[in-house]
N, C-alpha and C. Protein backbone atom coordinates (compact mmCIF):
# COMPACT_ATOMS: atom_id res chain seq x y z
N MET A 1 0.84 -1.16 0.00
CA MET A 1 0.00 0.00 0.00
C MET A 1 0.90 1.23 0.00
N LYS A 2 0.52 2.26 -0.78
CA LYS A 2 1.30 3.50 -0.81
C LYS A 2 0.48 4.63 -0.21
N THR A 3 1.12 5.39 0.65
CA THR A 3 0.50 6.54 1.28
C THR A 3 1.44 7.72 1.12
N ALA A 4 1.02 8.73 0.39
CA ALA A 4 1.80 9.96 0.18
C ALA A 4 3.24 9.64 -0.24
N GLY A 5 3.39 8.70 -1.17
CA GLY A 5 4.71 8.36 -1.67
C GLY A 5 5.50 7.41 -0.80
N ILE A 6 4.95 7.01 0.33
CA ILE A 6 5.63 6.08 1.23
C ILE A 6 5.03 4.70 1.05
N SER A 7 5.86 3.71 0.86
CA SER A 7 5.39 2.35 0.69
C SER A 7 5.29 1.66 2.05
N ILE A 8 4.10 1.18 2.36
CA ILE A 8 3.87 0.48 3.62
C ILE A 8 3.41 -0.93 3.28
N GLU A 9 4.13 -1.92 3.78
CA GLU A 9 3.74 -3.30 3.53
C GLU A 9 2.82 -3.78 4.64
N THR A 10 1.73 -4.41 4.25
CA THR A 10 0.80 -4.98 5.22
C THR A 10 1.33 -6.34 5.64
N PRO A 11 1.50 -6.56 6.94
CA PRO A 11 2.01 -7.86 7.38
C PRO A 11 1.03 -8.98 7.07
N LYS A 12 1.56 -10.13 6.67
CA LYS A 12 0.72 -11.28 6.36
C LYS A 12 0.39 -12.06 7.62
N VAL A 13 1.18 -11.86 8.66
CA VAL A 13 0.98 -12.54 9.94
C VAL A 13 0.79 -11.47 11.00
N ILE A 14 -0.09 -11.73 11.92
CA ILE A 14 -0.29 -10.79 13.03
C ILE A 14 1.00 -10.72 13.83
N PRO A 15 1.53 -9.52 14.08
CA PRO A 15 2.78 -9.39 14.82
C PRO A 15 2.72 -10.12 16.16
N GLY A 16 3.78 -10.83 16.48
CA GLY A 16 3.86 -11.54 17.75
C GLY A 16 3.21 -12.92 17.75
N THR A 17 2.68 -13.35 16.59
CA THR A 17 2.01 -14.65 16.56
C THR A 17 2.84 -15.74 15.90
N ALA A 18 4.09 -15.44 15.57
CA ALA A 18 4.94 -16.46 14.97
C ALA A 18 5.06 -17.64 15.93
N GLY A 19 4.89 -18.83 15.42
CA GLY A 19 4.97 -20.02 16.25
C GLY A 19 3.67 -20.39 16.94
N LEU A 20 2.63 -19.60 16.74
CA LEU A 20 1.32 -19.91 17.33
C LEU A 20 0.46 -20.63 16.31
N MET A 21 -0.38 -21.52 16.81
CA MET A 21 -1.29 -22.26 15.93
C MET A 21 -2.69 -21.66 16.03
N THR A 22 -3.38 -21.68 14.90
CA THR A 22 -4.78 -21.26 14.90
C THR A 22 -5.62 -22.36 15.54
N ARG A 23 -6.89 -22.09 15.74
CA ARG A 23 -7.78 -23.10 16.31
C ARG A 23 -7.88 -24.31 15.38
N ASP A 24 -7.89 -24.08 14.08
CA ASP A 24 -7.93 -25.19 13.12
C ASP A 24 -6.68 -26.06 13.23
N GLU A 25 -5.52 -25.41 13.29
CA GLU A 25 -4.25 -26.14 13.40
C GLU A 25 -4.16 -26.90 14.73
N ALA A 26 -4.59 -26.25 15.82
CA ALA A 26 -4.57 -26.90 17.13
C ALA A 26 -5.53 -28.09 17.14
N GLY A 27 -6.67 -27.94 16.49
CA GLY A 27 -7.62 -29.04 16.41
C GLY A 27 -7.03 -30.25 15.69
N LYS A 28 -6.33 -29.99 14.60
CA LYS A 28 -5.67 -31.09 13.88
C LYS A 28 -4.59 -31.74 14.74
N PHE A 29 -3.83 -30.92 15.44
CA PHE A 29 -2.77 -31.42 16.31
C PHE A 29 -3.34 -32.31 17.42
N LEU A 30 -4.46 -31.87 18.02
CA LEU A 30 -5.08 -32.61 19.11
C LEU A 30 -6.06 -33.67 18.64
N ARG A 31 -6.32 -33.70 17.35
CA ARG A 31 -7.31 -34.61 16.75
C ARG A 31 -8.70 -34.33 17.30
N LEU A 32 -9.00 -33.05 17.40
CA LEU A 32 -10.31 -32.56 17.84
C LEU A 32 -10.83 -31.59 16.79
N SER A 33 -12.11 -31.39 16.77
CA SER A 33 -12.65 -30.39 15.84
C SER A 33 -12.43 -29.00 16.42
N PRO A 34 -12.26 -28.01 15.55
CA PRO A 34 -12.14 -26.62 16.04
C PRO A 34 -13.37 -26.21 16.85
N ALA A 35 -14.54 -26.75 16.51
CA ALA A 35 -15.76 -26.43 17.25
C ALA A 35 -15.67 -26.93 18.69
N THR A 36 -15.05 -28.09 18.90
CA THR A 36 -14.87 -28.61 20.26
C THR A 36 -13.97 -27.69 21.06
N LEU A 37 -12.87 -27.24 20.46
CA LEU A 37 -11.98 -26.30 21.15
C LEU A 37 -12.71 -25.00 21.49
N ALA A 38 -13.52 -24.50 20.55
CA ALA A 38 -14.28 -23.28 20.79
C ALA A 38 -15.28 -23.48 21.93
N ASN A 39 -15.94 -24.64 21.93
CA ASN A 39 -16.90 -24.96 22.98
C ASN A 39 -16.21 -25.01 24.34
N TRP A 40 -15.10 -25.71 24.41
CA TRP A 40 -14.37 -25.81 25.68
C TRP A 40 -13.91 -24.44 26.15
N SER A 41 -13.49 -23.60 25.21
CA SER A 41 -13.03 -22.25 25.56
C SER A 41 -14.17 -21.43 26.16
N CYS A 42 -15.36 -21.53 25.57
CA CYS A 42 -16.51 -20.74 26.03
C CYS A 42 -17.07 -21.26 27.36
N THR A 43 -17.15 -22.58 27.48
CA THR A 43 -17.79 -23.16 28.66
C THR A 43 -16.83 -23.40 29.81
N GLY A 44 -15.53 -23.44 29.51
CA GLY A 44 -14.54 -23.74 30.54
C GLY A 44 -14.53 -25.22 30.91
N LYS A 45 -15.15 -26.05 30.07
CA LYS A 45 -15.23 -27.49 30.36
C LYS A 45 -13.84 -28.11 30.48
N GLN A 46 -12.95 -27.75 29.59
CA GLN A 46 -11.55 -28.18 29.65
C GLN A 46 -10.70 -26.92 29.62
N LYS A 47 -9.65 -26.91 30.39
CA LYS A 47 -8.78 -25.73 30.48
C LYS A 47 -7.61 -25.88 29.50
N VAL A 48 -7.91 -25.80 28.21
CA VAL A 48 -6.87 -25.87 27.19
C VAL A 48 -6.15 -24.53 27.17
N PRO A 49 -4.81 -24.52 27.25
CA PRO A 49 -4.07 -23.24 27.26
C PRO A 49 -4.28 -22.48 25.95
N THR A 50 -4.86 -21.31 26.07
CA THR A 50 -5.25 -20.51 24.91
C THR A 50 -4.70 -19.10 25.04
N ILE A 51 -4.30 -18.53 23.92
CA ILE A 51 -3.87 -17.13 23.87
C ILE A 51 -4.91 -16.40 23.02
N LYS A 52 -5.57 -15.43 23.60
CA LYS A 52 -6.61 -14.70 22.89
C LYS A 52 -6.09 -13.33 22.47
N LEU A 53 -6.16 -13.06 21.18
CA LEU A 53 -5.77 -11.76 20.63
C LEU A 53 -6.97 -11.21 19.87
N GLY A 54 -7.61 -10.22 20.46
CA GLY A 54 -8.84 -9.71 19.86
C GLY A 54 -9.90 -10.79 19.93
N LYS A 55 -10.48 -11.12 18.77
CA LYS A 55 -11.50 -12.16 18.70
C LYS A 55 -10.92 -13.53 18.37
N ARG A 56 -9.63 -13.58 18.09
CA ARG A 56 -9.01 -14.83 17.64
C ARG A 56 -8.29 -15.53 18.79
N CYS A 57 -8.31 -16.86 18.72
CA CYS A 57 -7.62 -17.68 19.71
C CYS A 57 -6.45 -18.39 19.05
N PHE A 58 -5.34 -18.45 19.78
CA PHE A 58 -4.14 -19.12 19.29
C PHE A 58 -3.66 -20.09 20.35
N TYR A 59 -2.82 -21.03 19.92
CA TYR A 59 -2.33 -22.08 20.80
C TYR A 59 -0.85 -22.29 20.53
N ARG A 60 -0.09 -22.59 21.59
CA ARG A 60 1.33 -22.93 21.46
C ARG A 60 1.45 -24.45 21.56
N GLN A 61 2.19 -25.03 20.64
CA GLN A 61 2.32 -26.48 20.60
C GLN A 61 2.91 -27.03 21.89
N ASP A 62 3.94 -26.38 22.43
CA ASP A 62 4.56 -26.90 23.65
C ASP A 62 3.57 -26.89 24.82
N GLN A 63 2.70 -25.87 24.89
CA GLN A 63 1.70 -25.82 25.95
C GLN A 63 0.63 -26.90 25.75
N LEU A 64 0.27 -27.16 24.50
CA LEU A 64 -0.70 -28.21 24.22
C LEU A 64 -0.14 -29.58 24.57
N GLU A 65 1.15 -29.79 24.29
CA GLU A 65 1.78 -31.07 24.64
C GLU A 65 1.78 -31.28 26.15
N LYS A 66 2.10 -30.23 26.92
CA LYS A 66 2.08 -30.33 28.39
C LYS A 66 0.66 -30.60 28.88
N TRP A 67 -0.32 -29.94 28.28
CA TRP A 67 -1.71 -30.15 28.65
C TRP A 67 -2.12 -31.60 28.39
N LEU A 68 -1.71 -32.14 27.24
CA LEU A 68 -2.02 -33.54 26.93
C LEU A 68 -1.39 -34.47 27.96
N GLU A 69 -0.14 -34.22 28.31
CA GLU A 69 0.54 -35.05 29.30
C GLU A 69 -0.18 -35.01 30.65
N SER A 70 -0.70 -33.86 31.01
CA SER A 70 -1.40 -33.73 32.28
C SER A 70 -2.73 -34.47 32.28
N ARG A 71 -3.24 -34.77 31.10
CA ARG A 71 -4.52 -35.47 30.96
C ARG A 71 -4.35 -36.99 30.92
N ALA A 72 -3.12 -37.47 30.87
CA ALA A 72 -2.87 -38.91 30.77
C ALA A 72 -3.34 -39.62 32.03
N ILE A 73 -4.01 -40.74 31.82
CA ILE A 73 -4.52 -41.51 32.96
C ILE A 73 -3.41 -42.41 33.52
N ASN A 74 -2.72 -43.12 32.66
CA ASN A 74 -1.64 -44.02 33.07
C ASN A 74 -0.34 -43.52 32.47
N GLN A 75 0.41 -42.77 33.25
CA GLN A 75 1.68 -42.25 32.75
C GLN A 75 2.76 -43.30 32.97
N ILE A 76 3.54 -43.51 31.92
CA ILE A 76 4.65 -44.47 31.99
C ILE A 76 5.95 -43.69 32.07
N PHE A 77 6.76 -43.98 33.09
CA PHE A 77 8.03 -43.28 33.25
C PHE A 77 9.16 -44.27 33.18
């Protein structure tokens, strides 16, 4: 985009979201539907670690992995 002779590039990624997964990506990672994640987020049924920026929700893979481990019934060490 050009404004008064100055070229301004619109970022393709929201600043600060590098390495974050969208709800769709997190759903695929967890093998859950994005609607299930949205439902859990709204109802608080499951405390999935979520980062909310505006109206959008993002997830960090390392936090999701820790959350999955905490949900294990029989942990093998």
